[in-house]
Every structure is written in C-alpha cells, then in structure tokens.
Amino acid sequence: MVFGAATILSGFSGVFCDQGENIYMLSLDRLIEDCAGYWQRAIASAPRSTTKAYMLGGLSWFAVPWAFASCLGMAARAAVNNPKFPTYPNPLSDAQTSAGLAAPAAAAVLMGKGGAVAILLVVFMAVTSAASAELIGVSSLFAYDLYRTYFRPKASGAEIVRVSHYFICFWAVWMGAWATILHKASIDLGWLFYVQGVVLSPAVVPIGLTVTWSKLTRAGVFSGCIIGAVLGMLAWMIGCWKIYGVINIENLAKPYSAVCSGLTGLLFSGVITVLVSLFRPANYDFEDTRKIIIYDTTVLEAETSSTSINANPTNKDNESVSDEVKKDIEKVQVQEVSTPNSSQLGGQEVDLQTLQRIFKRATLYSIALTLIVTIIVPIPMFFSHYVFSEAFYTFWTACTIIWVGMSGIFCIVLPLWESRKEMGIIGRGVLDLVLRR
C-alpha cells in the first residue's frame, strides 16, 4: 500500500509537471513510464480527438508496467534456481533490482541471447524517445518562454529556431553530465523514482490551478511552490530520521520517506497557493489562452534567375533550344506567404460550448478510470490479504496478454485505419507521379 502511494505521488507529479521527459524503469516488480510533453501535446492537438487519444493512450500505457511486472518480474523470481540465471545460485541484489536488471535476466533465461537483445532494444528505444522528447520540450521552454519573452521579444521565427538548436545542444551536454554524476554517486533509477515525487509534488496543484482557476495569482503560485518544497524537504528528512533512524541515501529513497515528503509537499503547496491567491484574487478570463500567437510570416525566397534568349532566327544556338527546355526556364519570384491561422491548421474551430462538453466527458472518463485502477481493484485485494491461487494467477496473466494485445491494436492498427483516406491520397499521388515518368 505504501509503495502504491509513493508510486502514485511520483508518477502523478511527474506527469503533471512534465514538458518533455520519459522515465523508464525496468525492475523486478515495476516498469514505470512517464511519457513526454503532456501539456504541449494536449494544447497542440485537435480538441475533438484529444480526449479519445489520451484515454486510449493511458489504457495502452498501463499494459507496459503491468505486463513487465507480471511476466518478466515473476519470471525472474521463478527462474532464480535455474542454472542459466545470470546470478545463479544467488538472487539479484537490491542494487541490481533497482538498476532494472530483473527484466533482462528473465528474458535471457527464457529466450537466450535473443531475449537479452530484445530487452536491450526496448531500453534503447525508450532512452532515445525519452531524450528526444526532453530535448524538444526543454528547448521549447527556453526558446519561447524564456528567450523570446524576456530577452528578445521581437525575435523572428528563424532566430527562435536557431536559438532552440543551441538550447538542445546545451541540454544534451547537461543531461549527460548529470547522468555521469548520479552514476558515479551510485544513485540508480529506483532512487530517482522515489525522489521525483519529493521534488515535483509541490508544483502539482499550482500548475493545475493555472489552467483551471481564474482567481489564481503569481504570488500564490510562487509561494505555494517554494514553501511547499521547503516543507516537503523537511518532512523528507524528519520522516526518514524518525522511521529509519538514520538519514542516508538508501533510507531517503525508501517508500515511507517518499510518502512523507510527497504528501506534505502536495497538500501544503495547494493550501498555501489557494490562501495567498484569495488574499488578493485575480480575475483572469482565459481569453489569451484561446489565441494562437503567429510570430511572423513565412517568406519563401529563391534567387531570381533569368535567361535571355536571342530570338534572332539566324542564331543556330537558339535554334537548338527545344520548346520543352524553353518552358522549363522560369523567372522565380519572391513570395510572402502568411502563416496559416488556427482554423486552417486544424479544420473548423471548436466553439466554447463544444469544448465544455469535451471537458466534462474527459473528466468523467478520468475519474472512472482512476477509481477503478487505484481503489476499486487494488484496495479490496489489499485488505482481504488474498493470495493468488494458480487459477486466479492464470486469469491474471490472461488479462495481461489481452490488455497488451488491445494496446497493440490501439497504437498500431487504429492509427492506420483512421488515416486510411490520407494514406490513400498519398499513395495515389506517388503512383501517379511514378506512372507519369
């Protein structure tokens, strides 16, 4: 139960505060994934399709930790006495488990070198996807929210792109340096998973209120985040000391320490944010959030080239120029094309009433799924102290396989089906182009 609470605090805060980060943790009993850029992608998506995409995406994501924990996690536990197990006859140590070596160990026993290579491929794809999302998310924040807002308000689109490239290079070096430091300090993914909730939970409520509460003020946001973080850190240290007796790296990453800090930061930051904002409330109408800012126009430039051909019929060189070549000689003009507006980019604009209906439907779906996953299913099983029988575990594994299959359909088959018309148009265009040649 405590681990579940720490997982919810860490995962919830990571998702809520995330702009471009994936954290994948392969271990004996969990594989956690915080996928990237939820805020940016939600804002950039078409309102009519966002709810369905996020609901199906959440259901598909849940199969990843569930399948890895139920299959490879339990397989690693069962294969400890197999001579092919990497650490036979000893089980994996706590450090090895926390480093995520349970999944490759189980895969190596079950499928040999091919299984280990498959896990390596999964980790490689996760890391590259995570790094890509993080770089794009952070560079967008730096380029638009920092550089353009405070340093160069009149920066052009080309300058913003160039600056974002600089930030990408800087952040790549920064991530590599911190990864090296943490590795040398023997801080693994398990430690970071717990501490993530400690660091990020004070920002959850203030960030949520920025898009939902019109009376929120800057003072409320800053005071809630800062004071909540300070109180969360104090609860982290005091809880670790009172419960485990000693404050060290190992004890700070244990579930009770993480829960003490995460709950303190989450609750107190929310209370402080609301109280400070109510002291001198704002009256924001969210009108600016419904506008898409067009930074500049797009200019298509080409060198103006002209070819003069002497029309004298006595010139033999001119006579050798075929009519087809003459048609291909064009004078390219410089054109200025306005950046398309929101209606041109996303089809018809959605009115506020439709958005309210979409919001209510999304809220209903989210509350129902949250209750099922966090309360209705796990809480009765916990308090009943139910021990899985062979038949029930078979049913559990079958549900896992079915869920993974449905996730594959949602992520692979459904996108292809929904884009069949567009793919047909592209295919016919390519075929027509080939046949013309």
Protein backbone atom coordinates (compact mmCIF):
# COMPACT_ATOMS: atom_id res chain seq x y z
CA MET A 1 0.00 0.00 0.00
CA VAL A 2 2.81 2.41 0.88
CA PHE A 3 4.62 1.57 -2.35
CA GLY A 4 1.41 2.21 -4.26
CA ALA A 5 1.02 5.61 -2.61
CA ALA A 6 4.63 6.50 -3.38
CA THR A 7 4.15 5.36 -6.98
CA ILE A 8 1.03 7.49 -7.42
CA LEU A 9 2.71 10.54 -5.90
CA SER A 10 5.82 10.14 -8.02
CA GLY A 11 4.05 9.25 -11.25
CA PHE A 12 1.27 11.81 -10.86
CA SER A 13 3.66 14.65 -10.11
CA GLY A 14 5.98 13.59 -12.92
CA VAL A 15 3.18 13.58 -15.48
CA PHE A 16 1.67 16.83 -14.24
CA CYS A 17 4.92 18.76 -14.24
CA ASP A 18 6.39 17.17 -17.34
CA GLN A 19 7.25 19.07 -20.50
CA GLY A 20 9.46 16.52 -22.16
CA GLU A 21 10.62 13.61 -20.11
CA ASN A 22 10.34 9.86 -20.25
CA ILE A 23 11.44 7.77 -17.31
CA TYR A 24 11.55 4.07 -17.95
CA MET A 25 12.38 1.78 -15.07
CA LEU A 26 12.83 -1.90 -15.73
CA SER A 27 12.97 -3.84 -12.48
CA LEU A 28 11.69 -6.96 -10.80
CA ASP A 29 8.34 -5.56 -9.81
CA ARG A 30 7.77 -2.46 -11.89
CA LEU A 31 8.31 -0.68 -15.13
CA ILE A 32 7.34 2.95 -14.80
CA GLU A 33 6.98 5.24 -17.76
CA ASP A 34 6.22 8.93 -17.58
CA CYS A 35 5.61 9.92 -21.14
CA ALA A 36 6.59 13.19 -22.56
CA GLY A 37 5.19 16.59 -23.12
CA TYR A 38 1.60 16.06 -21.99
CA TRP A 39 0.87 19.77 -21.76
CA GLN A 40 2.42 20.68 -25.10
CA ARG A 41 0.79 17.79 -26.95
CA ALA A 42 -2.62 18.40 -25.43
CA ILE A 43 -2.55 22.06 -26.46
CA ALA A 44 -1.26 21.24 -29.94
CA SER A 45 -3.84 18.51 -30.58
CA ALA A 46 -7.25 18.94 -32.15
CA PRO A 47 -9.83 19.25 -29.33
CA ARG A 48 -12.21 16.67 -30.81
CA SER A 49 -9.58 13.95 -30.92
CA THR A 50 -7.54 14.78 -27.82
CA THR A 51 -9.83 13.08 -25.30
CA LYS A 52 -10.00 9.81 -27.21
CA ALA A 53 -6.27 9.85 -27.88
CA TYR A 54 -5.34 10.43 -24.24
CA MET A 55 -7.82 7.89 -22.89
CA LEU A 56 -6.69 5.17 -25.31
CA GLY A 57 -3.08 6.18 -24.73
CA GLY A 58 -3.49 5.87 -20.97
CA LEU A 59 -5.11 2.45 -21.30
CA SER A 60 -2.34 1.34 -23.66
CA TRP A 61 0.39 2.65 -21.39
CA PHE A 62 -0.97 0.73 -18.40
CA ALA A 63 -0.19 -2.54 -20.19
CA VAL A 64 3.53 -1.74 -20.14
CA PRO A 65 4.21 -1.77 -16.37
CA TRP A 66 1.53 -4.41 -15.81
CA ALA A 67 2.89 -6.79 -18.44
CA PHE A 68 6.53 -6.35 -17.47
CA ALA A 69 5.81 -6.78 -13.77
CA SER A 70 3.50 -9.76 -14.19
CA CYS A 71 5.53 -11.59 -16.84
CA LEU A 72 9.21 -10.74 -16.64
CA GLY A 73 9.11 -9.74 -12.98
CA MET A 74 7.57 -13.00 -11.82
CA ALA A 75 9.66 -14.95 -14.33
CA ALA A 76 12.82 -13.52 -12.80
CA ARG A 77 11.59 -14.55 -9.36
CA ALA A 78 10.79 -18.06 -10.55
CA ALA A 79 13.99 -18.54 -12.56
CA VAL A 80 16.40 -17.83 -9.69
CA ASN A 81 17.14 -21.56 -9.27
CA ASN A 82 17.74 -22.06 -12.99
CA PRO A 83 21.44 -22.59 -13.80
CA LYS A 84 21.06 -20.20 -16.74
CA PHE A 85 20.11 -17.34 -14.41
CA PRO A 86 22.89 -14.71 -14.52
CA THR A 87 23.47 -14.65 -10.75
CA TYR A 88 22.75 -18.36 -10.08
CA PRO A 89 22.57 -19.64 -7.35
CA ASN A 90 22.06 -16.22 -5.77
CA PRO A 91 19.08 -13.92 -6.46
CA LEU A 92 19.55 -10.44 -7.79
CA SER A 93 20.75 -7.99 -5.19
CA ASP A 94 18.70 -4.96 -4.23
CA ALA A 95 21.07 -2.75 -6.20
CA GLN A 96 20.74 -4.93 -9.30
CA THR A 97 16.97 -5.00 -8.98
CA SER A 98 16.79 -1.26 -8.55
CA ALA A 99 19.08 -0.83 -11.56
CA GLY A 100 16.49 -2.61 -13.70
CA LEU A 101 18.29 -5.88 -14.34
CA ALA A 102 15.39 -8.20 -13.49
CA ALA A 103 13.76 -7.96 -16.91
CA PRO A 104 16.90 -8.74 -18.96
CA ALA A 105 17.82 -11.54 -16.54
CA ALA A 106 14.42 -13.20 -17.02
CA ALA A 107 14.49 -12.65 -20.79
CA ALA A 108 17.96 -14.19 -21.02
CA VAL A 109 16.79 -17.31 -19.18
CA LEU A 110 13.57 -17.70 -21.20
CA MET A 111 14.81 -16.73 -24.68
CA GLY A 112 18.59 -16.84 -24.51
CA LYS A 113 20.68 -14.13 -26.10
CA GLY A 114 17.76 -13.13 -28.30
CA GLY A 115 15.75 -12.20 -25.23
CA ALA A 116 18.57 -10.10 -23.83
CA VAL A 117 18.93 -8.35 -27.20
CA ALA A 118 15.17 -7.71 -27.28
CA ILE A 119 15.29 -6.04 -23.85
CA LEU A 120 18.31 -4.02 -24.96
CA LEU A 121 16.33 -2.86 -27.99
CA VAL A 122 13.38 -1.86 -25.77
CA VAL A 123 15.67 0.11 -23.47
CA PHE A 124 17.40 1.76 -26.43
CA MET A 125 14.08 2.84 -27.92
CA ALA A 126 12.91 4.12 -24.52
CA VAL A 127 16.08 6.12 -23.93
CA THR A 128 16.17 7.66 -27.41
CA SER A 129 12.46 8.52 -27.21
CA ALA A 130 12.95 10.00 -23.74
CA ALA A 131 15.97 12.05 -24.74
CA SER A 132 14.26 13.33 -27.89
CA ALA A 133 11.12 14.39 -26.03
CA GLU A 134 13.13 16.02 -23.26
CA LEU A 135 15.32 17.96 -25.67
CA ILE A 136 12.37 19.24 -27.68
CA GLY A 137 10.33 20.10 -24.58
CA VAL A 138 13.11 21.93 -22.76
CA SER A 139 14.31 23.77 -25.87
CA SER A 140 10.74 25.00 -26.49
CA LEU A 141 10.52 26.32 -22.93
CA PHE A 142 13.87 28.06 -23.15
CA ALA A 143 13.36 29.49 -26.64
CA TYR A 144 9.79 30.74 -26.33
CA ASP A 145 9.06 31.18 -22.61
CA LEU A 146 12.47 32.48 -21.62
CA TYR A 147 14.44 33.85 -24.58
CA ARG A 148 11.60 35.43 -26.57
CA THR A 149 9.60 36.57 -23.55
CA TYR A 150 12.36 38.25 -21.55
CA PHE A 151 15.36 38.83 -23.84
CA ARG A 152 14.25 39.19 -27.47
CA PRO A 153 10.51 39.92 -27.71
CA LYS A 154 10.82 40.76 -31.41
CA ALA A 155 12.87 37.72 -32.37
CA SER A 156 11.95 36.25 -35.73
CA GLY A 157 10.91 32.68 -36.32
CA ALA A 158 14.28 31.80 -37.85
CA GLU A 159 16.08 33.21 -34.82
CA ILE A 160 13.87 31.21 -32.45
CA VAL A 161 14.65 28.02 -34.36
CA ARG A 162 18.38 28.76 -34.24
CA VAL A 163 18.27 29.51 -30.50
CA SER A 164 16.28 26.34 -29.83
CA HIS A 165 19.05 24.37 -31.57
CA TYR A 166 21.60 25.97 -29.24
CA PHE A 167 19.50 25.03 -26.23
CA ILE A 168 19.19 21.45 -27.48
CA CYS A 169 22.98 21.12 -27.63
CA PHE A 170 23.35 22.70 -24.18
CA TRP A 171 20.70 20.49 -22.59
CA ALA A 172 22.15 17.32 -24.14
CA VAL A 173 25.50 18.06 -22.51
CA TRP A 174 23.73 18.97 -19.25
CA MET A 175 21.82 15.67 -19.16
CA GLY A 176 24.94 13.68 -19.94
CA ALA A 177 26.88 15.40 -17.18
CA TRP A 178 24.16 14.79 -14.59
CA ALA A 179 23.78 11.15 -15.66
CA THR A 180 27.51 10.65 -15.14
CA ILE A 181 27.45 12.36 -11.74
CA LEU A 182 24.50 10.30 -10.50
CA HIS A 183 26.04 7.07 -11.75
CA LYS A 184 29.32 7.82 -10.00
CA ALA A 185 27.38 8.59 -6.83
CA SER A 186 25.68 5.14 -7.06
CA ILE A 187 22.24 6.73 -7.45
CA ASP A 188 20.09 4.49 -9.62
CA LEU A 189 16.66 4.72 -11.24
CA GLY A 190 14.90 3.34 -8.18
CA TRP A 191 16.24 6.18 -6.06
CA LEU A 192 15.32 8.77 -8.68
CA PHE A 193 11.82 7.32 -8.99
CA TYR A 194 11.05 7.93 -5.32
CA VAL A 195 12.81 11.29 -5.14
CA GLN A 196 10.94 12.53 -8.21
CA GLY A 197 7.78 12.76 -6.13
CA VAL A 198 9.65 14.63 -3.42
CA VAL A 199 10.90 17.27 -5.82
CA LEU A 200 7.89 17.69 -8.11
CA SER A 201 4.82 17.19 -5.90
CA PRO A 202 4.84 20.81 -4.55
CA ALA A 203 4.30 22.07 -8.12
CA VAL A 204 1.32 19.85 -8.99
CA VAL A 205 -1.51 21.94 -7.53
CA PRO A 206 -0.12 25.35 -8.59
CA ILE A 207 0.37 24.12 -12.17
CA GLY A 208 -3.11 22.62 -12.25
CA LEU A 209 -4.70 25.80 -10.97
CA THR A 210 -3.02 27.91 -13.67
CA VAL A 211 -5.38 26.46 -16.27
CA THR A 212 -8.46 25.91 -14.12
CA TRP A 213 -8.85 28.74 -11.57
CA SER A 214 -9.41 32.35 -12.60
CA LYS A 215 -8.53 33.84 -9.19
CA LEU A 216 -5.01 32.41 -9.10
CA THR A 217 -2.20 34.94 -8.65
CA ARG A 218 1.54 34.90 -9.29
CA ALA A 219 2.22 35.32 -5.59
CA GLY A 220 0.07 32.29 -4.86
CA VAL A 221 1.89 30.12 -7.37
CA PHE A 222 5.38 31.10 -6.25
CA SER A 223 4.66 30.94 -2.53
CA GLY A 224 2.86 27.61 -2.85
CA CYS A 225 5.69 26.01 -4.83
CA ILE A 226 8.54 27.37 -2.72
CA ILE A 227 7.02 26.92 0.73
CA GLY A 228 5.58 23.54 -0.24
CA ALA A 229 9.01 22.40 -1.46
CA VAL A 230 10.67 23.54 1.78
CA LEU A 231 8.09 21.78 3.94
CA GLY A 232 8.31 18.68 1.74
CA MET A 233 12.09 18.56 2.16
CA LEU A 234 11.76 18.93 5.92
CA ALA A 235 9.18 16.13 6.03
CA TRP A 236 11.50 14.00 3.90
CA MET A 237 14.42 14.37 6.31
CA ILE A 238 12.39 14.17 9.52
CA GLY A 239 10.36 11.19 8.29
CA CYS A 240 13.50 9.33 7.26
CA TRP A 241 15.11 10.03 10.61
CA LYS A 242 12.09 9.10 12.75
CA ILE A 243 11.15 5.95 10.81
CA TYR A 244 14.53 4.51 9.80
CA GLY A 245 16.77 6.05 12.44
CA VAL A 246 19.50 7.31 10.09
CA ILE A 247 19.44 9.82 7.26
CA ASN A 248 21.40 8.46 4.30
CA ILE A 249 20.96 7.95 0.56
CA GLU A 250 19.47 4.49 0.96
CA ASN A 251 16.87 5.45 3.58
CA LEU A 252 15.85 8.64 1.78
CA ALA A 253 14.65 6.57 -1.18
CA LYS A 254 12.52 4.18 0.87
CA PRO A 255 8.72 4.30 0.49
CA TYR A 256 7.83 5.83 3.86
CA SER A 257 10.31 8.68 3.39
CA ALA A 258 8.98 9.37 -0.09
CA VAL A 259 5.34 9.30 1.03
CA CYS A 260 6.00 11.69 3.95
CA SER A 261 7.61 14.21 1.66
CA GLY A 262 5.28 13.78 -1.30
CA LEU A 263 2.07 14.16 0.69
CA THR A 264 3.42 17.13 2.65
CA GLY A 265 4.55 18.97 -0.46
CA LEU A 266 1.36 18.18 -2.38
CA LEU A 267 -1.12 19.20 0.33
CA PHE A 268 0.63 22.23 1.80
CA SER A 269 1.53 23.71 -1.59
CA GLY A 270 -2.13 23.52 -2.61
CA VAL A 271 -3.39 25.10 0.61
CA ILE A 272 -0.80 27.89 0.54
CA THR A 273 -1.45 28.63 -3.15
CA VAL A 274 -5.19 28.99 -2.59
CA LEU A 275 -4.90 31.06 0.59
CA VAL A 276 -2.36 33.51 -0.83
CA SER A 277 -4.38 33.91 -4.02
CA LEU A 278 -7.61 34.56 -2.11
CA PHE A 279 -5.88 37.33 -0.12
CA ARG A 280 -5.81 39.47 -3.29
CA PRO A 281 -7.52 37.40 -6.02
CA ALA A 282 -7.10 37.96 -9.74
CA ASN A 283 -9.89 37.94 -12.29
CA TYR A 284 -8.42 36.20 -15.32
CA ASP A 285 -10.82 35.42 -18.16
CA PHE A 286 -8.54 32.91 -20.01
CA GLU A 287 -9.16 34.81 -23.23
CA ASP A 288 -5.45 34.87 -24.11
CA THR A 289 -5.24 31.09 -23.82
CA ARG A 290 -7.73 30.75 -26.68
CA LYS A 291 -5.46 32.57 -29.11
CA ILE A 292 -2.72 31.09 -31.23
CA ILE A 293 0.17 33.52 -31.47
CA ILE A 294 1.52 33.95 -35.00
CA TYR A 295 5.10 35.09 -34.56
CA ASP A 296 5.91 36.12 -38.12
CA THR A 297 5.23 35.40 -41.73
CA THR A 298 6.98 32.77 -43.76
CA VAL A 299 8.99 34.09 -46.66
CA LEU A 300 9.90 31.77 -49.47
CA GLU A 301 13.00 33.11 -51.16
CA ALA A 302 14.73 31.99 -54.28
CA GLU A 303 17.38 33.51 -56.41
CA THR A 304 15.84 35.41 -59.26
CA SER A 305 17.29 33.96 -62.38
CA SER A 306 16.61 34.98 -65.87
CA THR A 307 17.82 33.56 -69.09
CA SER A 308 17.78 35.75 -72.12
CA ILE A 309 17.44 34.00 -75.41
CA ASN A 310 18.15 35.81 -78.57
CA ALA A 311 15.10 35.47 -80.76
CA ASN A 312 17.09 36.03 -83.94
CA PRO A 313 16.17 33.13 -86.18
CA THR A 314 19.61 33.14 -87.74
CA ASN A 315 21.26 32.19 -84.45
CA LYS A 316 21.89 28.47 -84.61
CA ASP A 317 22.45 28.19 -80.84
CA ASN A 318 18.95 29.44 -80.20
CA GLU A 319 17.52 27.09 -82.72
CA SER A 320 18.97 24.16 -80.77
CA VAL A 321 16.98 25.05 -77.70
CA SER A 322 13.92 22.82 -77.68
CA ASP A 323 10.46 24.03 -76.84
CA GLU A 324 10.46 21.82 -73.72
CA VAL A 325 13.60 23.50 -72.38
CA LYS A 326 12.12 26.92 -73.06
CA LYS A 327 9.08 26.04 -70.96
CA ASP A 328 11.29 24.97 -68.07
CA ILE A 329 13.12 28.31 -67.97
CA GLU A 330 11.23 30.34 -65.44
CA LYS A 331 11.75 33.51 -63.53
CA VAL A 332 11.26 32.66 -59.87
CA GLN A 333 9.56 35.39 -57.91
CA VAL A 334 9.96 36.03 -54.19
CA GLN A 335 6.69 35.27 -52.45
CA GLU A 336 5.47 36.08 -48.95
CA VAL A 337 3.06 33.56 -47.55
CA SER A 338 1.15 34.30 -44.36
CA THR A 339 1.32 31.73 -41.62
CA PRO A 340 -1.97 29.77 -41.60
CA ASN A 341 -4.35 30.52 -38.79
CA SER A 342 -5.76 28.01 -36.35
CA SER A 343 -8.83 27.28 -38.44
CA GLN A 344 -6.67 26.46 -41.45
CA LEU A 345 -4.42 24.21 -39.42
CA GLY A 346 -7.00 22.23 -37.53
CA GLY A 347 -10.12 22.46 -39.65
CA GLN A 348 -13.14 24.23 -38.20
CA GLU A 349 -12.65 25.94 -34.87
CA VAL A 350 -14.45 24.36 -31.94
CA ASP A 351 -16.81 26.64 -30.03
CA LEU A 352 -16.61 27.04 -26.25
CA GLN A 353 -19.79 25.03 -25.65
CA THR A 354 -18.37 22.04 -27.51
CA LEU A 355 -15.12 22.34 -25.56
CA GLN A 356 -17.09 22.29 -22.31
CA ARG A 357 -18.82 19.06 -23.37
CA ILE A 358 -15.48 17.51 -24.30
CA PHE A 359 -14.04 18.61 -20.95
CA LYS A 360 -16.92 17.06 -18.99
CA ARG A 361 -16.62 13.80 -20.90
CA ALA A 362 -12.86 13.69 -20.33
CA THR A 363 -13.35 14.41 -16.62
CA LEU A 364 -15.88 11.58 -16.33
CA TYR A 365 -13.59 9.11 -18.07
CA SER A 366 -10.60 10.16 -15.97
CA ILE A 367 -12.45 9.85 -12.65
CA ALA A 368 -13.88 6.45 -13.58
CA LEU A 369 -10.51 5.03 -14.67
CA THR A 370 -8.76 6.50 -11.62
CA LEU A 371 -11.28 4.91 -9.23
CA ILE A 372 -11.01 1.52 -10.96
CA VAL A 373 -7.22 1.41 -11.12
CA THR A 374 -6.37 2.94 -7.74
CA ILE A 375 -9.30 2.00 -5.44
CA ILE A 376 -11.91 -0.46 -6.73
CA VAL A 377 -9.45 -3.17 -7.83
CA PRO A 378 -6.39 -2.87 -5.53
CA ILE A 379 -7.92 -1.80 -2.20
CA PRO A 380 -10.21 -4.85 -1.68
CA MET A 381 -7.36 -7.17 -2.67
CA PHE A 382 -5.07 -5.49 -0.17
CA PHE A 383 -7.41 -5.59 2.81
CA SER A 384 -8.55 -9.14 2.09
CA HIS A 385 -4.89 -10.31 2.03
CA TYR A 386 -5.80 -12.51 -0.89
CA VAL A 387 -3.09 -14.91 -2.04
CA PHE A 388 -3.28 -15.73 -5.73
CA SER A 389 -4.26 -19.30 -6.50
CA GLU A 390 -2.95 -20.97 -9.64
CA ALA A 391 -6.30 -20.50 -11.39
CA PHE A 392 -6.52 -16.83 -10.44
CA TYR A 393 -2.93 -16.19 -11.50
CA THR A 394 -3.68 -17.84 -14.85
CA PHE A 395 -6.66 -15.50 -15.21
CA TRP A 396 -4.45 -12.55 -14.21
CA THR A 397 -1.85 -13.46 -16.83
CA ALA A 398 -4.52 -13.94 -19.49
CA CYS A 399 -5.90 -10.47 -18.73
CA THR A 400 -2.39 -9.09 -19.09
CA ILE A 401 -1.95 -10.70 -22.51
CA ILE A 402 -5.36 -9.49 -23.70
CA TRP A 403 -4.61 -5.96 -22.48
CA VAL A 404 -1.26 -5.95 -24.28
CA GLY A 405 -2.98 -7.13 -27.47
CA MET A 406 -5.57 -4.36 -27.22
CA SER A 407 -2.78 -1.84 -26.64
CA GLY A 408 -1.12 -3.03 -29.82
CA ILE A 409 -4.38 -2.54 -31.71
CA PHE A 410 -4.81 0.97 -30.27
CA CYS A 411 -1.24 2.01 -31.06
CA ILE A 412 -0.62 0.24 -34.39
CA VAL A 413 -3.82 -0.79 -36.14
CA LEU A 414 -6.16 2.05 -35.15
CA PRO A 415 -3.90 4.90 -36.38
CA LEU A 416 -3.52 3.15 -39.73
CA TRP A 417 -7.27 2.68 -40.03
CA GLU A 418 -8.10 6.27 -39.09
CA SER A 419 -5.59 7.65 -41.60
CA ARG A 420 -6.57 5.29 -44.41
CA LYS A 421 -8.04 8.09 -46.56
CA GLU A 422 -4.98 10.30 -46.23
CA MET A 423 -2.67 7.35 -46.91
CA GLY A 424 -4.76 6.53 -49.98
CA ILE A 425 -4.40 10.08 -51.28
CA ILE A 426 -0.64 9.98 -50.74
CA GLY A 427 -0.38 6.54 -52.35
CA ARG A 428 -2.37 7.60 -55.42
CA GLY A 429 -0.26 10.73 -55.73
CA VAL A 430 3.00 8.77 -55.58
CA LEU A 431 1.68 6.19 -58.07
CA ASP A 432 0.53 8.93 -60.43
CA LEU A 433 3.94 10.59 -60.20
CA VAL A 434 5.72 7.31 -60.98
CA LEU A 435 3.47 6.49 -63.94
CA ARG A 436 3.99 9.95 -65.45
CA ARG A 437 7.72 9.35 -65.58
